Amino acid sequence: MELNRNELKILELFQKDIFLKISILEIMKKIKSKSYQRVYEAIGLLVKKNVLSLEKIGNISLISLKLSRETIILLGFLEETEGIKKNIPNYSKILEIREISDYLILITGSYASNKFTKKSDLDLVIIVSDNESIVKIQKLVENKTMLFIPQIHLYVFTKKDFIEMLKNNEKNYGKEIVKNKIILKNAQKFYELIKEAIENGYKSWRLFKQGRKWINLG
C-alpha cells in the first residue's frame, strides 16, 4: 500500500500515540502543514484505506487510529524500517539467532530513547508464544550474546504476560515498552498484541491533576 507524503506524516503521529484522537486542525499544526485541503484529503485517503477512523462530534471531526489488518501491516513496515536506521549494536547478530526468529524482538531503555552512554547496557526484549519456556529462551539467548558489547540486558515475556501488563492500571514495564521501543523484527506481532490488549481492556490513561487527585480522562 503506497502512501503520499502527507499520509505518511499523519500515520507517524498515530504511530507515536496509538490512542491519539485529534482534530484536522490539530493534525495540521503537528505536521506543520499550511494546507487544510491537503491534510483533509490525506485523512480521507487513510480512512478509505481502512487505516484511520473519523468521528463527528458536533461540528468537529475527530480522527483516530483504526487497528485494521491494513494498519498493522503499514505500522509494522514503518517500525522495522526505522529499526534498521537506528544502528543498534549487534543488530544483525541478534536477528541471526535462529531460535528466536519467529518472535517479537525489541530494544528498549537508553538505546531506544537515544540517551545511552558508553556504560549503558542494551535492553533486549523478546516476546514469545504462551506455550514457550521463558527460562529456556532466556538461557539460550544469554549464552549466544554473553560476549556482545555493549552487554545485553535481556527480558523475556510471554504474549499473555505482556497483554496482562498493558491491561493493568498501574505503571509497569509493559507500558514503558509501548512508549519507548525500537522494533527489530516481527513488528506486526507487536500491533496484533496491542489490538488484542485493547479488545481486552487496555486503554489510554491521560491524567490531569485536580487538587491532590489525578483523574483519568480516558
C-alpha atoms as a PDB file:
ATOM      1  CA  MET A   1       0.000   0.000   0.000  1.00  0.00           C
ATOM      2  CA  GLU A   2       1.518   3.303  -1.106  1.00  0.00           C
ATOM      3  CA  LEU A   3       1.244   6.477   0.963  1.00  0.00           C
ATOM      4  CA  ASN A   4       1.852  10.036  -0.120  1.00  0.00           C
ATOM      5  CA  ARG A   5       3.950  12.407   1.979  1.00  0.00           C
ATOM      6  CA  ASN A   6       1.055  13.835   3.986  1.00  0.00           C
ATOM      7  CA  GLU A   7      -0.450  10.394   4.615  1.00  0.00           C
ATOM      8  CA  LEU A   8       2.894   9.197   5.965  1.00  0.00           C
ATOM      9  CA  LYS A   9       3.299  12.211   8.251  1.00  0.00           C
ATOM     10  CA  ILE A  10      -0.196  11.708   9.632  1.00  0.00           C
ATOM     11  CA  LEU A  11       0.301   7.989  10.184  1.00  0.00           C
ATOM     12  CA  GLU A  12       3.551   8.696  12.053  1.00  0.00           C
ATOM     13  CA  LEU A  13       1.562  10.790  14.566  1.00  0.00           C
ATOM     14  CA  PHE A  14      -0.564   7.781  15.423  1.00  0.00           C
ATOM     15  CA  GLN A  15       2.475   5.506  15.410  1.00  0.00           C
ATOM     16  CA  LYS A  16       3.807   7.603  18.310  1.00  0.00           C
ATOM     17  CA  ASP A  17       0.466   7.529  20.153  1.00  0.00           C
ATOM     18  CA  ILE A  18      -1.944   4.755  19.197  1.00  0.00           C
ATOM     19  CA  PHE A  19      -4.672   6.267  21.390  1.00  0.00           C
ATOM     20  CA  LEU A  20      -4.466   9.692  19.800  1.00  0.00           C
ATOM     21  CA  LYS A  21      -7.827  11.281  18.991  1.00  0.00           C
ATOM     22  CA  ILE A  22      -7.337  14.590  17.254  1.00  0.00           C
ATOM     23  CA  SER A  23      -8.978  17.193  15.015  1.00  0.00           C
ATOM     24  CA  ILE A  24      -7.867  18.022  11.487  1.00  0.00           C
ATOM     25  CA  LEU A  25      -6.657  21.459  12.600  1.00  0.00           C
ATOM     26  CA  GLU A  26      -4.537  19.882  15.334  1.00  0.00           C
ATOM     27  CA  ILE A  27      -3.070  17.461  12.801  1.00  0.00           C
ATOM     28  CA  MET A  28      -2.193  20.419  10.564  1.00  0.00           C
ATOM     29  CA  LYS A  29      -0.240  22.005  13.431  1.00  0.00           C
ATOM     30  CA  LYS A  30       1.561  18.811  14.378  1.00  0.00           C
ATOM     31  CA  ILE A  31       2.727  18.001  10.847  1.00  0.00           C
ATOM     32  CA  LYS A  32       3.394  21.710  10.165  1.00  0.00           C
ATOM     33  CA  SER A  33       1.146  21.900   7.126  1.00  0.00           C
ATOM     34  CA  LYS A  34      -0.406  25.168   5.934  1.00  0.00           C
ATOM     35  CA  SER A  35      -2.945  23.491   3.686  1.00  0.00           C
ATOM     36  CA  TYR A  36      -6.184  22.333   5.310  1.00  0.00           C
ATOM     37  CA  GLN A  37      -7.336  20.877   1.991  1.00  0.00           C
ATOM     38  CA  ARG A  38      -4.274  18.652   1.553  1.00  0.00           C
ATOM     39  CA  VAL A  39      -4.456  17.370   5.108  1.00  0.00           C
ATOM     40  CA  TYR A  40      -8.210  16.775   4.744  1.00  0.00           C
ATOM     41  CA  GLU A  41      -7.622  14.816   1.520  1.00  0.00           C
ATOM     42  CA  ALA A  42      -4.818  12.759   3.076  1.00  0.00           C
ATOM     43  CA  ILE A  43      -7.043  11.855   6.028  1.00  0.00           C
ATOM     44  CA  GLY A  44      -9.810  10.898   3.608  1.00  0.00           C
ATOM     45  CA  LEU A  45      -7.449   8.551   1.781  1.00  0.00           C
ATOM     46  CA  LEU A  46      -6.326   6.924   5.037  1.00  0.00           C
ATOM     47  CA  VAL A  47      -9.966   6.453   6.056  1.00  0.00           C
ATOM     48  CA  LYS A  48     -10.679   4.789   2.689  1.00  0.00           C
ATOM     49  CA  LYS A  49      -7.620   2.563   3.174  1.00  0.00           C
ATOM     50  CA  ASN A  50      -9.079   1.391   6.496  1.00  0.00           C
ATOM     51  CA  VAL A  51      -6.222   2.952   8.480  1.00  0.00           C
ATOM     52  CA  LEU A  52      -7.975   5.835  10.258  1.00  0.00           C
ATOM     53  CA  SER A  53     -11.448   6.378  11.684  1.00  0.00           C
ATOM     54  CA  LEU A  54     -13.342   9.664  11.521  1.00  0.00           C
ATOM     55  CA  GLU A  55     -15.886  10.512  14.218  1.00  0.00           C
ATOM     56  CA  LYS A  56     -18.165  13.563  14.060  1.00  0.00           C
ATOM     57  CA  ILE A  57     -18.789  15.305  17.380  1.00  0.00           C
ATOM     58  CA  GLY A  58     -20.866  18.396  16.738  1.00  0.00           C
ATOM     59  CA  ASN A  59     -19.001  20.470  14.166  1.00  0.00           C
ATOM     60  CA  ILE A  60     -15.665  18.802  14.876  1.00  0.00           C
ATOM     61  CA  SER A  61     -14.260  15.731  13.135  1.00  0.00           C
ATOM     62  CA  LEU A  62     -12.013  13.676  15.413  1.00  0.00           C
ATOM     63  CA  ILE A  63      -9.511  11.342  13.813  1.00  0.00           C
ATOM     64  CA  SER A  64      -8.246   8.169  15.465  1.00  0.00           C
ATOM     65  CA  LEU A  65      -6.252   5.088  14.508  1.00  0.00           C
ATOM     66  CA  LYS A  66      -8.110   2.005  13.313  1.00  0.00           C
ATOM     67  CA  LEU A  67      -6.098  -1.123  14.104  1.00  0.00           C
ATOM     68  CA  SER A  68      -7.206  -2.988  10.989  1.00  0.00           C
ATOM     69  CA  ARG A  69      -5.104  -5.560   9.182  1.00  0.00           C
ATOM     70  CA  GLU A  70      -4.051  -2.859   6.735  1.00  0.00           C
ATOM     71  CA  THR A  71      -2.926  -0.578   9.562  1.00  0.00           C
ATOM     72  CA  ILE A  72      -0.989  -3.327  11.312  1.00  0.00           C
ATOM     73  CA  ILE A  73       0.902  -4.155   8.104  1.00  0.00           C
ATOM     74  CA  LEU A  74       1.736  -0.482   7.482  1.00  0.00           C
ATOM     75  CA  LEU A  75       2.857   0.219  11.043  1.00  0.00           C
ATOM     76  CA  GLY A  76       4.882  -2.980  11.128  1.00  0.00           C
ATOM     77  CA  PHE A  77       6.721  -1.945   7.971  1.00  0.00           C
ATOM     78  CA  LEU A  78       7.413   1.555   9.344  1.00  0.00           C
ATOM     79  CA  GLU A  79       8.726   0.195  12.653  1.00  0.00           C
ATOM     80  CA  GLU A  80      11.132  -2.288  11.092  1.00  0.00           C
ATOM     81  CA  THR A  81      12.345   0.254   8.531  1.00  0.00           C
ATOM     82  CA  GLU A  82      13.109   2.696  11.345  1.00  0.00           C
ATOM     83  CA  GLY A  83      14.792  -0.077  13.334  1.00  0.00           C
ATOM     84  CA  ILE A  84      17.276  -0.689  10.527  1.00  0.00           C
ATOM     85  CA  LYS A  85      18.245   3.006  10.506  1.00  0.00           C
ATOM     86  CA  LYS A  86      18.969   3.195  14.243  1.00  0.00           C
ATOM     87  CA  ASN A  87      22.390   1.483  14.121  1.00  0.00           C
ATOM     88  CA  ILE A  88      21.667  -0.751  17.100  1.00  0.00           C
ATOM     89  CA  PRO A  89      24.846  -2.570  18.263  1.00  0.00           C
ATOM     90  CA  ASN A  90      24.945  -6.222  17.123  1.00  0.00           C
ATOM     91  CA  TYR A  91      21.673  -5.728  15.212  1.00  0.00           C
ATOM     92  CA  SER A  92      22.469  -8.423  12.622  1.00  0.00           C
ATOM     93  CA  LYS A  93      23.854 -10.882  15.183  1.00  0.00           C
ATOM     94  CA  ILE A  94      20.690 -10.628  17.301  1.00  0.00           C
ATOM     95  CA  LEU A  95      18.487 -11.310  14.271  1.00  0.00           C
ATOM     96  CA  GLU A  96      20.677 -14.268  13.289  1.00  0.00           C
ATOM     97  CA  ILE A  97      19.700 -16.171  16.447  1.00  0.00           C
ATOM     98  CA  ARG A  98      17.552 -18.752  14.692  1.00  0.00           C
ATOM     99  CA  GLU A  99      15.677 -19.923  17.778  1.00  0.00           C
ATOM    100  CA  ILE A 100      14.025 -16.525  18.296  1.00  0.00           C
ATOM    101  CA  SER A 101      13.455 -15.614  14.636  1.00  0.00           C
ATOM    102  CA  ASP A 102       9.678 -16.112  14.871  1.00  0.00           C
ATOM    103  CA  TYR A 103       9.266 -13.970  17.990  1.00  0.00           C
ATOM    104  CA  LEU A 104       8.773 -10.263  18.536  1.00  0.00           C
ATOM    105  CA  ILE A 105      12.187  -8.677  19.185  1.00  0.00           C
ATOM    106  CA  LEU A 106      12.549  -5.139  20.560  1.00  0.00           C
ATOM    107  CA  ILE A 107      15.058  -2.749  22.072  1.00  0.00           C
ATOM    108  CA  THR A 108      14.016  -0.539  24.981  1.00  0.00           C
ATOM    109  CA  GLY A 109      15.756   1.651  27.540  1.00  0.00           C
ATOM    110  CA  SER A 110      18.526   4.122  26.797  1.00  0.00           C
ATOM    111  CA  TYR A 111      19.261   2.861  23.266  1.00  0.00           C
ATOM    112  CA  ALA A 112      15.609   3.235  22.295  1.00  0.00           C
ATOM    113  CA  SER A 113      15.451   6.763  23.712  1.00  0.00           C
ATOM    114  CA  ASN A 114      18.891   7.649  22.290  1.00  0.00           C
ATOM    115  CA  LYS A 115      20.190   8.540  25.763  1.00  0.00           C
ATOM    116  CA  PHE A 116      22.784   5.789  26.028  1.00  0.00           C
ATOM    117  CA  THR A 117      26.344   6.255  27.242  1.00  0.00           C
ATOM    118  CA  LYS A 118      29.467   4.134  26.955  1.00  0.00           C
ATOM    119  CA  LYS A 119      28.413   2.353  30.160  1.00  0.00           C
ATOM    120  CA  SER A 120      24.837   1.588  29.030  1.00  0.00           C
ATOM    121  CA  ASP A 121      23.560  -1.951  28.616  1.00  0.00           C
ATOM    122  CA  LEU A 122      21.436  -2.848  25.599  1.00  0.00           C
ATOM    123  CA  ASP A 123      17.933  -3.683  26.850  1.00  0.00           C
ATOM    124  CA  LEU A 124      16.656  -6.514  24.650  1.00  0.00           C
ATOM    125  CA  VAL A 125      13.044  -7.680  24.895  1.00  0.00           C
ATOM    126  CA  ILE A 126      11.716 -10.903  23.387  1.00  0.00           C
ATOM    127  CA  ILE A 127       8.011 -11.731  23.484  1.00  0.00           C
ATOM    128  CA  VAL A 128       7.398 -15.427  22.944  1.00  0.00           C
ATOM    129  CA  SER A 129       4.427 -17.742  22.494  1.00  0.00           C
ATOM    130  CA  ASP A 130       2.444 -18.629  25.606  1.00  0.00           C
ATOM    131  CA  ASN A 131       3.498 -22.276  25.372  1.00  0.00           C
ATOM    132  CA  GLU A 132       7.213 -21.430  25.155  1.00  0.00           C
ATOM    133  CA  SER A 133       9.546 -21.770  28.144  1.00  0.00           C
ATOM    134  CA  ILE A 134      10.764 -18.326  29.212  1.00  0.00           C
ATOM    135  CA  VAL A 135      13.671 -19.867  31.133  1.00  0.00           C
ATOM    136  CA  LYS A 136      14.775 -21.880  28.094  1.00  0.00           C
ATOM    137  CA  ILE A 137      14.766 -18.835  25.790  1.00  0.00           C
ATOM    138  CA  GLN A 138      16.443 -16.693  28.454  1.00  0.00           C
ATOM    139  CA  LYS A 139      19.340 -19.142  28.881  1.00  0.00           C
ATOM    140  CA  LEU A 140      19.712 -19.723  25.147  1.00  0.00           C
ATOM    141  CA  VAL A 141      19.889 -16.013  24.252  1.00  0.00           C
ATOM    142  CA  GLU A 142      22.145 -15.185  27.202  1.00  0.00           C
ATOM    143  CA  ASN A 143      24.579 -17.885  26.075  1.00  0.00           C
ATOM    144  CA  LYS A 144      24.624 -16.596  22.487  1.00  0.00           C
ATOM    145  CA  THR A 145      25.044 -12.948  23.481  1.00  0.00           C
ATOM    146  CA  MET A 146      27.343 -13.159  26.517  1.00  0.00           C
ATOM    147  CA  LEU A 147      30.296 -11.671  24.619  1.00  0.00           C
ATOM    148  CA  PHE A 148      28.347  -8.862  22.980  1.00  0.00           C
ATOM    149  CA  ILE A 149      29.406  -5.281  23.598  1.00  0.00           C
ATOM    150  CA  PRO A 150      27.520  -3.457  25.000  1.00  0.00           C
ATOM    151  CA  GLN A 151      26.300  -6.095  27.418  1.00  0.00           C
ATOM    152  CA  ILE A 152      22.790  -7.414  26.761  1.00  0.00           C
ATOM    153  CA  HIS A 153      20.187  -6.918  29.489  1.00  0.00           C
ATOM    154  CA  LEU A 154      17.551  -9.455  28.498  1.00  0.00           C
ATOM    155  CA  TYR A 155      13.826  -9.533  29.211  1.00  0.00           C
ATOM    156  CA  VAL A 156      11.615 -12.384  28.021  1.00  0.00           C
ATOM    157  CA  PHE A 157       7.811 -12.294  28.314  1.00  0.00           C
ATOM    158  CA  THR A 158       5.030 -14.454  27.014  1.00  0.00           C
ATOM    159  CA  LYS A 159       2.301 -12.802  24.941  1.00  0.00           C
ATOM    160  CA  LYS A 160      -0.165 -13.352  27.777  1.00  0.00           C
ATOM    161  CA  ASP A 161       2.127 -11.692  30.334  1.00  0.00           C
ATOM    162  CA  PHE A 162       2.707  -8.708  28.048  1.00  0.00           C
ATOM    163  CA  ILE A 163      -1.027  -8.207  27.472  1.00  0.00           C
ATOM    164  CA  GLU A 164      -1.713  -8.500  31.205  1.00  0.00           C
ATOM    165  CA  MET A 165       0.833  -5.758  31.897  1.00  0.00           C
ATOM    166  CA  LEU A 166      -0.919  -3.465  29.424  1.00  0.00           C
ATOM    167  CA  LYS A 167      -4.329  -4.154  30.937  1.00  0.00           C
ATOM    168  CA  ASN A 168      -3.075  -3.407  34.444  1.00  0.00           C
ATOM    169  CA  ASN A 169      -3.933   0.097  35.681  1.00  0.00           C
ATOM    170  CA  GLU A 170      -0.534   0.608  37.306  1.00  0.00           C
ATOM    171  CA  LYS A 171       2.663   1.768  35.626  1.00  0.00           C
ATOM    172  CA  ASN A 172       4.763  -1.205  34.567  1.00  0.00           C
ATOM    173  CA  TYR A 173       7.469  -2.325  32.176  1.00  0.00           C
ATOM    174  CA  GLY A 174       4.972  -3.373  29.503  1.00  0.00           C
ATOM    175  CA  LYS A 175       3.691   0.191  29.222  1.00  0.00           C
ATOM    176  CA  GLU A 176       7.252   1.500  29.153  1.00  0.00           C
ATOM    177  CA  ILE A 177       7.906  -0.783  26.176  1.00  0.00           C
ATOM    178  CA  VAL A 178       4.948   0.732  24.311  1.00  0.00           C
ATOM    179  CA  LYS A 179       6.221   4.279  24.949  1.00  0.00           C
ATOM    180  CA  ASN A 180       9.928   3.688  24.316  1.00  0.00           C
ATOM    181  CA  LYS A 181      10.925   0.991  21.854  1.00  0.00           C
ATOM    182  CA  ILE A 182      12.713   0.100  18.651  1.00  0.00           C
ATOM    183  CA  ILE A 183      11.269  -2.983  16.994  1.00  0.00           C
ATOM    184  CA  LEU A 184      13.891  -5.147  15.307  1.00  0.00           C
ATOM    185  CA  LYS A 185      11.751  -7.996  13.997  1.00  0.00           C
ATOM    186  CA  ASN A 186       8.144  -9.141  13.617  1.00  0.00           C
ATOM    187  CA  ALA A 187       6.706  -5.678  14.252  1.00  0.00           C
ATOM    188  CA  GLN A 188       3.282  -6.746  13.018  1.00  0.00           C
ATOM    189  CA  LYS A 189       3.066  -9.042  16.032  1.00  0.00           C
ATOM    190  CA  PHE A 190       3.551  -6.037  18.302  1.00  0.00           C
ATOM    191  CA  TYR A 191       0.478  -4.299  16.903  1.00  0.00           C
ATOM    192  CA  GLU A 192      -1.506  -7.533  16.934  1.00  0.00           C
ATOM    193  CA  LEU A 193      -0.755  -7.761  20.673  1.00  0.00           C
ATOM    194  CA  ILE A 194      -1.731  -4.111  21.170  1.00  0.00           C
ATOM    195  CA  LYS A 195      -5.019  -4.737  19.375  1.00  0.00           C
ATOM    196  CA  GLU A 196      -5.736  -7.820  21.490  1.00  0.00           C
ATOM    197  CA  ALA A 197      -4.898  -5.908  24.669  1.00  0.00           C
ATOM    198  CA  ILE A 198      -7.243  -3.054  23.705  1.00  0.00           C
ATOM    199  CA  GLU A 199     -10.026  -5.530  22.983  1.00  0.00           C
ATOM    200  CA  ASN A 200      -9.498  -6.912  26.487  1.00  0.00           C
ATOM    201  CA  GLY A 201      -9.406  -3.662  28.435  1.00  0.00           C
ATOM    202  CA  TYR A 202      -6.127  -1.853  27.685  1.00  0.00           C
ATOM    203  CA  LYS A 203      -6.804   1.860  27.386  1.00  0.00           C
ATOM    204  CA  SER A 204      -5.076   5.192  27.402  1.00  0.00           C
ATOM    205  CA  TRP A 205      -4.518   6.863  30.752  1.00  0.00           C
ATOM    206  CA  ARG A 206      -4.434  10.593  30.153  1.00  0.00           C
ATOM    207  CA  LEU A 207      -4.189  12.209  33.564  1.00  0.00           C
ATOM    208  CA  PHE A 208      -4.655  15.699  34.887  1.00  0.00           C
ATOM    209  CA  LYS A 209      -4.317  16.872  38.451  1.00  0.00           C
ATOM    210  CA  GLN A 210      -7.332  18.184  40.313  1.00  0.00           C
ATOM    211  CA  GLY A 211      -6.262  19.283  43.759  1.00  0.00           C
ATOM    212  CA  ARG A 212      -4.331  16.328  45.148  1.00  0.00           C
ATOM    213  CA  LYS A 213      -6.005  13.761  42.909  1.00  0.00           C
ATOM    214  CA  TRP A 214      -5.086  12.502  39.471  1.00  0.00           C
ATOM    215  CA  ILE A 215      -8.121  11.929  37.251  1.00  0.00           C
ATOM    216  CA  ASN A 216      -8.192   9.715  34.160  1.00  0.00           C
ATOM    217  CA  LEU A 217      -9.591  11.401  31.081  1.00  0.00           C
ATOM    218  CA  GLY A 218      -9.577   8.159  29.094  1.00  0.00           C
END
